Protein backbone atom coordinates (compact mmCIF):
# COMPACT_ATOMS: atom_id res chain seq x y z
CA MET A 1 -35.70 8.30 3.16
CA GLU A 2 -35.42 9.76 6.78
CA LEU A 3 -32.84 12.10 5.71
CA LEU A 4 -35.15 13.63 2.91
CA LEU A 5 -37.96 13.72 5.82
CA HIS A 6 -35.65 15.91 7.86
CA TYR A 7 -34.84 17.86 4.84
CA VAL A 8 -38.67 18.60 4.13
CA TRP A 9 -39.35 19.42 7.62
CA LYS A 10 -36.42 21.74 8.07
CA HIS A 11 -37.23 23.81 4.88
CA LYS A 12 -40.83 23.46 5.40
CA MET A 13 -41.61 21.86 1.92
CA PHE A 14 -45.15 20.67 3.02
CA PRO A 15 -47.82 19.69 0.72
CA LEU A 16 -50.60 22.15 0.23
CA LYS A 17 -53.46 20.24 2.07
CA PRO A 18 -53.51 21.13 5.91
CA LEU A 19 -51.32 19.25 8.26
CA LYS A 20 -53.18 17.27 10.86
CA THR A 21 -52.05 14.72 13.56
CA VAL A 22 -53.13 11.13 13.08
CA ASP A 23 -55.91 12.04 15.70
CA GLY A 24 -56.99 14.93 13.37
CA MET A 25 -55.73 17.85 15.33
CA ALA A 26 -54.67 20.73 13.10
CA VAL A 27 -50.78 21.35 12.99
CA GLU A 28 -49.02 24.60 12.30
CA VAL A 29 -45.29 24.70 12.14
CA ILE A 30 -44.29 28.08 13.36
CA ASP A 31 -40.52 27.27 13.57
CA SER A 32 -39.21 23.85 12.63
CA GLY A 33 -36.27 24.28 15.09
CA LEU A 34 -32.61 23.77 15.20
CA HIS A 35 -31.33 20.64 13.19
CA ASN A 36 -29.38 18.41 15.58
CA HIS A 37 -26.63 16.26 14.03
CA ASP A 38 -25.59 14.82 17.33
CA ALA A 39 -27.18 12.31 19.79
CA GLY A 40 -30.77 13.42 21.00
CA PRO A 41 -34.07 14.50 19.28
CA ASP A 42 -33.67 15.53 15.53
CA PHE A 43 -34.79 19.11 15.72
CA PHE A 44 -34.25 21.45 19.17
CA ASN A 45 -36.53 24.06 20.22
CA ALA A 46 -39.30 23.88 17.69
CA LYS A 47 -42.44 26.04 17.85
CA VAL A 48 -45.56 23.99 16.80
CA LYS A 49 -49.24 24.76 17.19
CA ILE A 50 -51.29 21.57 17.79
CA GLY A 51 -55.03 21.98 18.03
CA GLY A 52 -54.70 25.51 18.94
CA THR A 53 -52.16 25.12 21.63
CA LEU A 54 -48.57 26.50 21.10
CA TRP A 55 -45.96 23.94 22.20
CA VAL A 56 -42.17 24.63 22.22
CA GLY A 57 -39.89 21.75 22.48
CA ASN A 58 -38.13 19.09 20.32
CA VAL A 59 -39.27 17.17 17.18
CA GLU A 60 -38.21 13.55 16.40
CA ILE A 61 -38.44 12.34 12.79
CA HIS A 62 -38.60 8.77 11.65
CA ASP A 63 -39.65 6.91 8.37
CA LYS A 64 -41.93 4.57 10.59
CA ALA A 65 -43.31 5.39 14.00
CA SER A 66 -42.12 1.93 15.21
CA ASP A 67 -38.57 3.11 14.74
CA TRP A 68 -39.15 5.09 18.03
CA PHE A 69 -38.94 1.81 19.85
CA ALA A 70 -36.37 0.20 17.56
CA HIS A 71 -34.18 3.25 18.51
CA LYS A 72 -35.06 2.66 22.12
CA HIS A 73 -36.25 6.25 22.56
CA ASP A 74 -39.00 4.97 24.89
CA LEU A 75 -36.30 4.40 27.38
CA ASP A 76 -34.23 7.59 26.92
CA GLU A 77 -35.18 10.61 29.11
CA SER A 78 -33.72 12.96 26.70
CA TYR A 79 -36.70 12.37 24.52
CA ASN A 80 -39.16 13.15 27.27
CA ASN A 81 -39.63 16.68 25.79
CA VAL A 82 -40.32 15.73 22.30
CA ILE A 83 -43.65 17.64 21.44
CA LEU A 84 -44.22 16.07 18.03
CA HIS A 85 -43.30 12.94 16.36
CA VAL A 86 -43.15 13.23 12.52
CA CYS A 87 -42.98 10.19 10.44
CA ARG A 88 -43.72 9.07 6.87
CA CYS A 89 -45.71 6.15 8.08
CA VAL A 90 -47.48 5.93 11.63
CA ASP A 91 -47.78 2.28 12.29
CA THR A 92 -47.96 2.51 16.20
CA VAL A 93 -48.68 4.48 19.35
CA VAL A 94 -45.38 5.80 20.77
CA THR A 95 -44.69 6.85 24.41
CA THR A 96 -41.96 8.63 26.19
CA GLN A 97 -39.86 7.29 29.02
CA LYS A 98 -42.21 8.93 31.49
CA GLY A 99 -45.11 7.28 29.89
CA ASP A 100 -46.70 10.13 27.95
CA ARG A 101 -48.38 9.55 24.72
CA LEU A 102 -46.79 11.68 21.88
CA PRO A 103 -48.97 13.39 19.15
CA GLN A 104 -47.83 12.01 15.67
CA MET A 105 -48.22 13.59 12.32
CA GLU A 106 -47.65 11.86 8.90
CA LEU A 107 -45.41 13.87 6.64
CA GLU A 108 -45.93 13.64 2.99
CA ILE A 109 -42.91 14.38 0.71
CA PRO A 110 -44.01 16.44 -2.13
CA PRO A 111 -43.72 14.51 -5.39
CA TYR A 112 -41.72 17.02 -7.12
CA VAL A 113 -39.09 16.78 -4.35
CA MET A 114 -39.10 13.11 -4.36
CA GLN A 115 -38.80 13.14 -8.16
CA HIS A 116 -35.82 15.73 -8.03
CA TYR A 117 -34.12 13.87 -5.18
CA HIS A 118 -34.13 10.67 -7.19
CA GLU A 119 -32.70 12.59 -10.18
CA LEU A 120 -29.90 13.83 -8.16
CA LEU A 121 -28.94 10.39 -6.80
CA ALA A 122 -29.49 8.48 -10.07
CA SER A 123 -27.93 10.66 -12.66
CA ASP A 124 -24.88 9.76 -14.36
CA GLN A 125 -24.47 13.21 -15.65
CA TYR A 126 -21.77 15.05 -13.42
CA PRO A 127 -22.57 17.16 -11.72
CA PRO A 128 -26.67 16.11 -11.62
CA CYS A 129 -27.83 19.59 -10.93
CA TYR A 130 -26.04 21.16 -14.08
CA LYS A 131 -29.39 22.02 -15.61
CA ILE A 132 -30.06 24.77 -13.20
CA ILE A 133 -26.42 26.13 -12.67
CA PRO A 134 -27.02 29.03 -15.39
CA ASP A 135 -30.27 30.11 -13.70
CA LEU A 136 -28.64 30.67 -10.23
CA SER A 137 -27.97 34.16 -8.92
CA ARG A 138 -24.56 35.34 -8.64
CA LEU A 139 -25.24 36.29 -5.00
CA MET A 140 -26.34 32.93 -4.13
CA LEU A 141 -23.40 31.17 -5.87
CA THR A 142 -20.84 33.65 -4.28
CA SER A 143 -22.09 33.06 -0.81
CA TRP A 144 -22.16 29.40 -1.12
CA LEU A 145 -18.55 29.27 -2.53
CA THR A 146 -17.22 31.66 0.06
CA ALA A 147 -18.75 29.09 2.68
CA LEU A 148 -17.35 26.15 0.98
CA GLN A 149 -13.85 27.97 0.79
CA THR A 150 -13.90 28.69 4.41
CA GLU A 151 -14.95 24.85 5.18
CA ARG A 152 -12.05 23.68 3.12
CA LEU A 153 -9.66 26.03 4.94
CA GLU A 154 -11.05 24.57 8.37
CA GLN A 155 -10.24 21.00 6.94
CA LYS A 156 -6.77 22.09 6.21
CA THR A 157 -6.37 23.75 9.53
CA GLU A 158 -7.22 20.35 11.28
CA ALA A 159 -4.73 18.60 9.14
CA ILE A 160 -1.98 21.22 9.98
CA LYS A 161 -2.90 20.90 13.75
CA GLN A 162 -2.40 17.00 13.45
CA ARG A 163 0.98 17.76 11.99
CA VAL A 164 1.87 20.40 14.66
CA LYS A 165 1.03 17.54 17.11
CA ALA A 166 3.25 14.96 15.15
CA CYS A 167 5.96 17.45 15.33
CA ASP A 168 5.70 17.82 19.13
CA GLY A 169 4.24 21.10 19.01
CA SER A 170 6.54 22.78 16.54
CA TRP A 171 4.65 25.06 14.05
CA GLU A 172 7.93 25.55 12.20
CA ALA A 173 8.18 21.68 11.63
CA ALA A 174 4.59 21.41 10.70
CA TYR A 175 4.99 24.14 8.15
CA PHE A 176 7.82 22.39 6.35
CA VAL A 177 5.85 19.12 6.41
CA THR A 178 2.84 20.93 4.89
CA LEU A 179 5.29 22.69 2.26
CA ALA A 180 6.84 19.26 1.48
CA ARG A 181 3.58 17.54 1.04
CA ASN A 182 2.59 20.28 -1.56
CA TYR A 183 5.84 19.91 -3.36
CA GLY A 184 4.63 16.44 -4.37
CA PHE A 185 1.83 18.08 -6.34
CA GLY A 186 -0.64 15.56 -5.60
CA ILE A 187 1.09 12.39 -7.05
CA ASN A 188 3.86 12.16 -4.53
CA GLY A 189 2.17 14.13 -1.70
CA GLU A 190 2.08 11.30 0.67
CA ALA A 191 5.57 10.34 0.13
CA PHE A 192 6.80 13.81 0.88
CA GLU A 193 5.09 14.17 4.07
CA GLN A 194 6.55 11.01 5.32
CA TRP A 195 9.91 12.12 4.24
CA ALA A 196 9.48 15.47 5.79
CA LEU A 197 8.32 13.97 9.08
CA SER A 198 11.56 11.80 8.99
CA LEU A 199 13.68 14.83 9.05
CA PRO A 200 14.68 15.96 12.64
CA LEU A 201 14.99 19.66 11.45
CA GLN A 202 15.79 20.97 14.96
CA VAL A 203 18.60 18.40 15.35
CA ILE A 204 20.29 19.14 11.75
CA ALA A 205 19.59 22.90 11.83
CA HIS A 206 23.22 23.72 12.64
CA HIS A 207 24.29 22.19 9.27
CA ARG A 208 21.76 24.39 7.31
CA ASP A 209 24.74 26.90 6.50
CA ASN A 210 26.32 23.94 4.29
CA LEU A 211 23.98 23.41 1.31
CA PHE A 212 25.87 20.25 0.16
CA GLN A 213 25.13 18.58 3.66
CA ILE A 214 21.61 19.52 3.46
CA GLU A 215 21.18 18.24 0.14
CA ALA A 216 22.88 14.94 1.27
CA LEU A 217 20.57 14.74 4.35
CA PHE A 218 17.40 15.51 2.29
CA LEU A 219 18.33 12.99 -0.72
CA GLY A 220 19.59 10.37 1.83
CA GLN A 221 16.39 10.44 3.99
CA ALA A 222 14.28 10.20 0.83
CA GLY A 223 16.03 6.85 0.27
CA LEU A 224 17.39 8.15 -3.13
CA LEU A 225 21.22 7.89 -2.14
CA ASN A 226 20.56 3.95 -1.94
CA ILE A 227 22.21 2.50 -5.18
CA ASP A 228 19.15 0.30 -5.69
CA ALA A 229 17.04 3.43 -6.17
CA VAL A 230 19.08 3.95 -9.40
CA SER A 231 18.08 2.27 -12.44
CA MET A 232 20.30 -0.58 -13.54
CA ARG A 233 21.11 0.88 -16.86
CA HIS A 234 22.39 4.20 -15.29
CA ARG A 235 24.25 2.74 -12.36
CA ASP A 236 27.69 2.68 -14.02
CA GLU A 237 27.40 6.13 -15.35
CA VAL A 238 26.23 7.57 -11.88
CA LEU A 239 29.08 5.89 -10.01
CA GLU A 240 31.53 7.05 -12.52
CA GLU A 241 30.29 10.67 -12.20
CA GLY A 242 31.16 10.66 -8.49
CA TYR A 243 28.74 13.05 -7.37
CA PHE A 244 26.13 10.29 -6.06
CA SER A 245 28.99 8.76 -4.23
CA LYS A 246 30.19 11.94 -2.64
CA LEU A 247 26.61 12.61 -1.53
CA GLN A 248 26.18 9.08 -0.36
CA ARG A 249 29.46 9.44 1.74
CA GLU A 250 28.31 12.62 3.40
CA TYR A 251 24.86 11.11 4.18
CA ILE A 252 26.07 7.93 5.72
CA TYR A 253 28.36 10.17 8.16
CA LEU A 254 25.31 12.37 9.08
CA GLN A 255 22.95 9.41 9.19
CA HIS A 256 25.27 7.77 11.85
CA LYS A 257 25.74 11.19 13.67
CA PHE A 258 21.98 11.88 14.03
CA ASN A 259 20.84 8.30 14.05
CA LEU A 260 18.53 8.71 10.87
CA LYS A 261 16.27 6.21 9.25
CA PRO A 262 15.53 7.00 5.57
CA ILE A 263 12.13 6.33 4.08
CA ASP A 264 11.63 3.50 1.39
CA TYR A 265 12.72 4.58 -1.91
CA HIS A 266 9.81 2.64 -3.39
CA LEU A 267 7.32 5.16 -2.07
CA TRP A 268 8.23 7.60 -4.83
CA ARG A 269 6.21 7.48 -8.04
CA PHE A 270 7.63 8.31 -11.29
CA LEU A 271 5.05 6.88 -13.78
CA ARG A 272 3.41 9.70 -16.08
CA LEU A 273 5.37 12.18 -13.99
CA ARG A 274 6.93 15.19 -15.82
CA PRO A 275 10.72 15.10 -15.30
CA GLN A 276 10.48 18.72 -13.84
CA ASN A 277 8.33 17.13 -10.95
CA PHE A 278 10.78 14.28 -10.29
CA PRO A 279 11.46 13.82 -6.52
CA HIS A 280 15.13 14.38 -6.92
CA ILE A 281 14.45 18.03 -8.42
CA ARG A 282 11.81 19.09 -5.75
CA ILE A 283 13.78 17.77 -2.87
CA VAL A 284 16.92 19.75 -4.00
CA GLN A 285 14.59 22.66 -4.40
CA LEU A 286 13.58 22.34 -0.81
CA ALA A 287 17.16 21.90 0.33
CA GLN A 288 18.07 25.16 -1.23
CA LEU A 289 15.05 26.77 0.55
CA TYR A 290 16.01 25.38 3.74
CA ALA A 291 19.86 26.28 3.54
CA LYS A 292 18.99 29.74 2.34
CA GLN A 293 16.55 30.35 5.25
CA GLN A 294 14.32 32.46 3.06
CA ALA A 295 11.07 30.47 3.42
CA GLY A 296 10.71 29.76 7.20
CA LEU A 297 7.65 30.24 8.98
CA SER A 298 8.51 33.82 10.24
CA GLN A 299 9.46 35.01 6.84
CA LEU A 300 6.12 33.52 5.50
CA LEU A 301 4.11 35.28 8.15
CA ASP A 302 5.69 38.70 7.19
CA CYS A 303 4.74 38.30 3.56
CA THR A 304 1.84 40.82 3.05
CA THR A 305 1.39 40.43 -0.68
CA VAL A 306 1.00 37.45 -3.10
CA LYS A 307 4.10 38.86 -4.90
CA ALA A 308 6.26 38.55 -1.60
CA ALA A 309 5.23 35.05 -0.96
CA MET A 310 6.09 33.90 -4.45
CA GLU A 311 9.44 35.49 -4.01
CA CYS A 312 9.83 33.65 -0.74
CA LEU A 313 9.15 30.23 -1.98
CA ARG A 314 11.18 30.78 -5.18
CA SER A 315 13.97 28.31 -5.58
CA SER A 316 16.31 26.70 -8.09
CA VAL A 317 18.78 23.82 -8.05
CA THR A 318 22.54 23.29 -7.44
CA LEU A 319 24.97 22.81 -10.60
CA TYR A 320 24.47 19.02 -10.76
CA TRP A 321 20.87 19.36 -11.16
CA GLN A 322 20.95 22.12 -13.72
CA THR A 323 21.79 19.31 -16.28
CA HIS A 324 19.96 16.28 -14.67
CA TYR A 325 16.51 15.18 -13.54
CA SER A 326 17.73 12.36 -11.52
CA PHE A 327 20.97 10.54 -11.05
CA GLY A 328 22.20 9.43 -14.62
CA ILE A 329 19.46 11.10 -16.42
CA SER A 330 20.67 14.15 -18.28
CA SER A 331 18.79 17.34 -19.23
CA GLU A 332 19.33 20.48 -21.10
CA PHE A 333 20.86 23.10 -18.99
CA SER A 334 18.18 24.80 -16.74
CA GLU A 335 18.10 26.53 -13.52
CA LYS A 336 14.69 24.55 -12.82
CA GLN A 337 13.11 27.09 -11.05
CA LEU A 338 9.51 26.59 -9.89
CA SER A 339 7.04 28.06 -12.63
CA THR A 340 4.57 30.75 -11.77
CA SER A 341 1.87 28.26 -11.89
CA SER A 342 3.81 25.82 -9.34
CA LEU A 343 4.32 28.94 -7.05
CA GLN A 344 0.56 29.95 -7.06
CA LEU A 345 -0.32 26.28 -6.09
CA LEU A 346 2.06 26.45 -3.33
CA ILE A 347 0.59 29.62 -2.13
CA ILE A 348 -2.94 28.19 -2.45
CA ASN A 349 -2.23 24.87 -0.66
CA THR A 350 0.60 25.98 1.65
CA VAL A 351 0.73 29.78 2.37
CA VAL A 352 -2.96 30.37 2.68
CA PRO A 353 -3.66 27.33 5.02
CA ILE A 354 -0.71 28.15 7.23
CA LEU A 355 -1.73 31.88 7.43
CA PHE A 356 -5.19 30.76 8.27
CA ALA A 357 -4.42 27.93 10.72
CA TYR A 358 -1.69 29.99 12.50
CA GLY A 359 -3.86 33.07 12.75
CA ARG A 360 -6.58 30.88 14.55
CA HIS A 361 -3.94 29.53 16.75
CA VAL A 362 -2.51 32.84 17.86
CA SER A 363 -5.87 34.69 17.53
CA LYS A 364 -4.70 36.99 15.09
CA GLU A 365 -7.35 37.92 12.83
CA THR A 366 -5.24 39.75 10.27
CA LEU A 367 -3.38 36.61 9.28
CA CYS A 368 -6.80 34.78 8.66
CA GLU A 369 -7.91 37.84 6.43
CA ARG A 370 -4.77 37.78 4.65
CA ALA A 371 -5.45 34.26 3.77
CA PHE A 372 -8.69 35.13 2.20
CA ASP A 373 -7.24 38.09 0.52
CA PHE A 374 -4.43 35.98 -1.20
CA LEU A 375 -7.02 33.67 -2.54
CA GLU A 376 -8.96 36.43 -4.32
CA GLN A 377 -5.93 37.87 -5.72
CA LEU A 378 -4.82 34.57 -7.32
CA ARG A 379 -6.12 33.21 -10.62
CA PRO A 380 -8.49 30.11 -10.30
CA GLU A 381 -6.95 26.70 -10.68
CA ASN A 382 -7.05 24.98 -13.95
CA ASN A 383 -7.87 21.44 -13.21
CA HIS A 384 -10.62 19.13 -14.25
CA ILE A 385 -13.00 20.26 -11.34
CA VAL A 386 -12.94 23.68 -12.28
CA ARG A 387 -13.27 23.07 -16.02
CA MET A 388 -16.40 20.65 -15.31
CA TRP A 389 -18.09 23.53 -13.35
CA ARG A 390 -17.32 26.10 -15.98
CA ASP A 391 -18.88 23.76 -18.69
CA CYS A 392 -22.02 23.86 -16.64
CA GLY A 393 -22.02 27.68 -16.80
CA LEU A 394 -20.58 28.66 -13.67
CA GLN A 395 -18.28 31.55 -13.38
CA VAL A 396 -14.92 31.07 -11.51
CA MET A 397 -13.37 34.43 -10.77
CA HIS A 398 -10.44 33.63 -8.40
CA ALA A 399 -8.65 30.90 -6.52
CA GLY A 400 -11.16 31.13 -3.67
CA ASP A 401 -13.71 30.13 -6.11
CA SER A 402 -11.88 27.21 -7.29
CA GLN A 403 -11.07 25.94 -3.83
CA GLY A 404 -14.78 26.12 -3.03
CA LEU A 405 -15.58 24.10 -6.05
CA ILE A 406 -13.03 21.50 -5.02
CA GLN A 407 -14.64 21.33 -1.67
CA LEU A 408 -18.11 21.19 -3.32
CA LYS A 409 -17.11 18.05 -5.46
CA ASN A 410 -15.18 16.18 -2.85
CA GLU A 411 -17.46 16.67 0.13
CA TYR A 412 -21.05 17.01 -1.58
CA CYS A 413 -21.14 15.67 -5.06
CA ASP A 414 -18.82 12.68 -4.71
CA LYS A 415 -20.66 11.72 -1.48
CA LYS A 416 -24.13 12.42 -2.90
CA ASN A 417 -24.67 14.80 -0.08
CA CYS A 418 -27.09 16.90 -2.02
CA LEU A 419 -29.38 17.63 0.85
CA GLN A 420 -26.75 19.75 2.61
CA CYS A 421 -25.77 21.71 -0.69
CA ARG A 422 -27.46 24.97 -1.35
CA ILE A 423 -27.42 24.17 -5.14
CA GLY A 424 -29.05 20.75 -4.38
CA TYR A 425 -31.67 22.89 -2.28
CA LYS A 426 -32.49 25.02 -5.35
CA TYR A 427 -32.85 22.03 -7.52
CA LEU A 428 -35.21 20.06 -5.08
CA LYS A 429 -37.53 23.03 -4.35
CA GLN A 430 -38.19 23.74 -8.27
CA LYS A 431 -41.80 22.75 -9.23
CA LEU A 432 -42.44 20.33 -11.81
């Protein structure tokens, strides 16, 4: 309830009757102040006229006045400059650490705000604000989706920075880990990240001109050259083919040379996975990208168009994998190139965040702007989140919009964080 009081105060959703302190002095809120989400009073630098006198200072909000003492604000000097104590229920007199008695005001939450708030929290309909979506202006929605898009990129930037740290400051390695994670296309994302972090790229770099060795290294580090990773019914066939054994021998040599420790092959998930997305295929595609040196960080940063970025990431597989999905599992002949939709997802989830994060790192605004431009040039993603919002009547124009909607669902809808959502604000303020 206290969060809702914050919201009512911040947006001045006051009842129609005059505001007064519990002592009967008139209260006029000129500026509700700056909302503080850290330690200290709830609102900084508010301007409030109390009994005809203008006060400038901080405002503290509680459900009950006695919470002031429960939270020990009476012992904290940082609350000495509070000018008004706002509560749903004033059940006691409060004083500051200096001993000053504070003016207090009971704030009533308007009935329509309370009702709409309970509707948002209790609704089983997803999203609970669906009724007002068609009536919202395109300008409002565009500005909110742009903010959400930026918020999502900021989160991805933090994740990339953590990978840079894990890679001893190497942006090249962190980029490869990010690319690898997104090669998992969700289901195997975590496993791909662990796998990529296990590869000492700087150490094995002088082998990258030998595609077979890179393939052996990549598959071996994934634990997929362990014979136990091959299903029992295919083992005899796999050993008879000879390719597996050849790769295994090469990996054992390189593993000893570089003191490598593979990840557990049990980390890979195959259930309900399309054969084109099997880890074997994705890893071999990555091996080819790495060996050809066509998709390094510098090449990526040089891509000024979506088309160039797609060509940079385009990859296929070596001869054996043109007729196999995994060891012993045959397929019709196919070069197994990444589809256009897969390439677009890699640009959305790898290229764009890397451009944005690295642009921030080197203070190069053109890279950040390019990241946003790429999103606006790409078609929106076609997933259940986007389809849900479209069903509500929301227009999704490009990938920037779909990224914003993913952020909206993950960080606001799922967490019932309606009070921080601009759509939630529109819903709450509508009159009954």
